[in-house]
Amino acid sequence: MSAVSVLCLSGRIDSTSTNFASASDLASALRRAEAAHGQHEKRTGQRDANWPDWYAEYMAAEQSGKELPQ
């Protein structure tokens, strides 16, 4: 699996994009997001049907050094 990037209209790579160097790196990020999401669901006391968006937000924030979603 190659790195995933968001391209700007000018054709340059967006510096705020989320990239993974390998499938292994992506899988590790997904596992961390899964563990954090489990804690999120425990705190809220309900299943989160919007989990794909939560995972994406978590993974992007983790990679960029921004505050992680709770």
C-alpha atoms as a PDB file:
ATOM      1  CA  MET A   1       0.000   0.000   0.000  1.00  0.00           C
ATOM      2  CA  SER A   2       1.402   3.373  -0.879  1.00  0.00           C
ATOM      3  CA  ALA A   3       1.169   6.591   1.087  1.00  0.00           C
ATOM      4  CA  VAL A   4      -2.157   8.408   0.861  1.00  0.00           C
ATOM      5  CA  SER A   5      -2.134  12.185   0.359  1.00  0.00           C
ATOM      6  CA  VAL A   6      -4.669  14.894  -0.399  1.00  0.00           C
ATOM      7  CA  LEU A   7      -3.686  17.023  -3.386  1.00  0.00           C
ATOM      8  CA  CYS A   8      -4.408  20.739  -3.517  1.00  0.00           C
ATOM      9  CA  LEU A   9      -5.822  22.228  -6.700  1.00  0.00           C
ATOM     10  CA  SER A  10      -2.359  23.507  -7.547  1.00  0.00           C
ATOM     11  CA  GLY A  11      -1.110  19.924  -7.582  1.00  0.00           C
ATOM     12  CA  ARG A  12       1.010  20.267  -4.469  1.00  0.00           C
ATOM     13  CA  ILE A  13       0.592  17.888  -1.548  1.00  0.00           C
ATOM     14  CA  ASP A  14      -1.466  19.372   1.275  1.00  0.00           C
ATOM     15  CA  SER A  15       0.756  19.679   4.351  1.00  0.00           C
ATOM     16  CA  THR A  16      -2.236  18.880   6.562  1.00  0.00           C
ATOM     17  CA  SER A  17      -2.899  15.523   4.891  1.00  0.00           C
ATOM     18  CA  THR A  18      -2.582  12.230   6.709  1.00  0.00           C
ATOM     19  CA  ASN A  19      -0.012   9.824   5.276  1.00  0.00           C
ATOM     20  CA  PHE A  20       1.024   6.287   6.122  1.00  0.00           C
ATOM     21  CA  ALA A  21       4.291   4.906   4.795  1.00  0.00           C
ATOM     22  CA  SER A  22       3.113   1.300   4.806  1.00  0.00           C
ATOM     23  CA  ALA A  23       0.142  -0.963   5.320  1.00  0.00           C
ATOM     24  CA  SER A  24       1.666  -1.911   8.669  1.00  0.00           C
ATOM     25  CA  ASP A  25       1.741   1.739   9.789  1.00  0.00           C
ATOM     26  CA  LEU A  26      -1.889   2.170   8.748  1.00  0.00           C
ATOM     27  CA  ALA A  27      -2.919  -1.032  10.538  1.00  0.00           C
ATOM     28  CA  SER A  28      -1.165   0.144  13.715  1.00  0.00           C
ATOM     29  CA  ALA A  29      -2.967   3.493  13.530  1.00  0.00           C
ATOM     30  CA  LEU A  30      -6.286   1.693  13.093  1.00  0.00           C
ATOM     31  CA  ARG A  31      -5.574  -0.461  16.154  1.00  0.00           C
ATOM     32  CA  ARG A  32      -4.784   2.618  18.267  1.00  0.00           C
ATOM     33  CA  ALA A  33      -7.958   4.300  17.028  1.00  0.00           C
ATOM     34  CA  GLU A  34      -9.975   1.163  17.839  1.00  0.00           C
ATOM     35  CA  ALA A  35      -8.650   1.091  21.409  1.00  0.00           C
ATOM     36  CA  ALA A  36      -9.313   4.805  21.923  1.00  0.00           C
ATOM     37  CA  HIS A  37     -12.769   4.478  20.376  1.00  0.00           C
ATOM     38  CA  GLY A  38     -13.598   1.664  22.786  1.00  0.00           C
ATOM     39  CA  GLN A  39     -12.821   4.034  25.648  1.00  0.00           C
ATOM     40  CA  HIS A  40     -14.961   6.717  23.963  1.00  0.00           C
ATOM     41  CA  GLU A  41     -17.925   4.335  23.805  1.00  0.00           C
ATOM     42  CA  LYS A  42     -17.445   3.377  27.464  1.00  0.00           C
ATOM     43  CA  ARG A  43     -17.502   7.064  28.443  1.00  0.00           C
ATOM     44  CA  THR A  44     -20.630   7.799  26.407  1.00  0.00           C
ATOM     45  CA  GLY A  45     -22.348   4.557  27.389  1.00  0.00           C
ATOM     46  CA  GLN A  46     -23.559   3.897  23.862  1.00  0.00           C
ATOM     47  CA  ARG A  47     -22.487   2.430  20.553  1.00  0.00           C
ATOM     48  CA  ASP A  48     -21.180   5.053  18.114  1.00  0.00           C
ATOM     49  CA  ALA A  49     -22.747   4.390  14.709  1.00  0.00           C
ATOM     50  CA  ASN A  50     -20.532   7.148  13.260  1.00  0.00           C
ATOM     51  CA  TRP A  51     -17.331   5.312  14.175  1.00  0.00           C
ATOM     52  CA  PRO A  52     -15.655   5.681  10.727  1.00  0.00           C
ATOM     53  CA  ASP A  53     -15.648   9.480  11.072  1.00  0.00           C
ATOM     54  CA  TRP A  54     -14.406   9.200  14.673  1.00  0.00           C
ATOM     55  CA  TYR A  55     -11.561   6.903  13.601  1.00  0.00           C
ATOM     56  CA  ALA A  56     -10.601   9.256  10.766  1.00  0.00           C
ATOM     57  CA  GLU A  57     -10.607  12.285  13.063  1.00  0.00           C
ATOM     58  CA  TYR A  58      -8.545  10.426  15.667  1.00  0.00           C
ATOM     59  CA  MET A  59      -5.976   9.177  13.168  1.00  0.00           C
ATOM     60  CA  ALA A  60      -5.562  12.573  11.505  1.00  0.00           C
ATOM     61  CA  ALA A  61      -5.218  14.337  14.868  1.00  0.00           C
ATOM     62  CA  GLU A  62      -2.727  11.754  16.138  1.00  0.00           C
ATOM     63  CA  GLN A  63      -0.531  12.112  13.080  1.00  0.00           C
ATOM     64  CA  SER A  64      -0.620  15.912  13.061  1.00  0.00           C
ATOM     65  CA  GLY A  65      -0.003  16.267  16.803  1.00  0.00           C
ATOM     66  CA  LYS A  66      -3.370  17.926  17.406  1.00  0.00           C
ATOM     67  CA  GLU A  67      -5.600  17.227  20.411  1.00  0.00           C
ATOM     68  CA  LEU A  68      -7.163  13.783  20.151  1.00  0.00           C
ATOM     69  CA  PRO A  69     -10.948  13.401  20.230  1.00  0.00           C
ATOM     70  CA  GLN A  70     -12.429  12.048  23.432  1.00  0.00           C
END
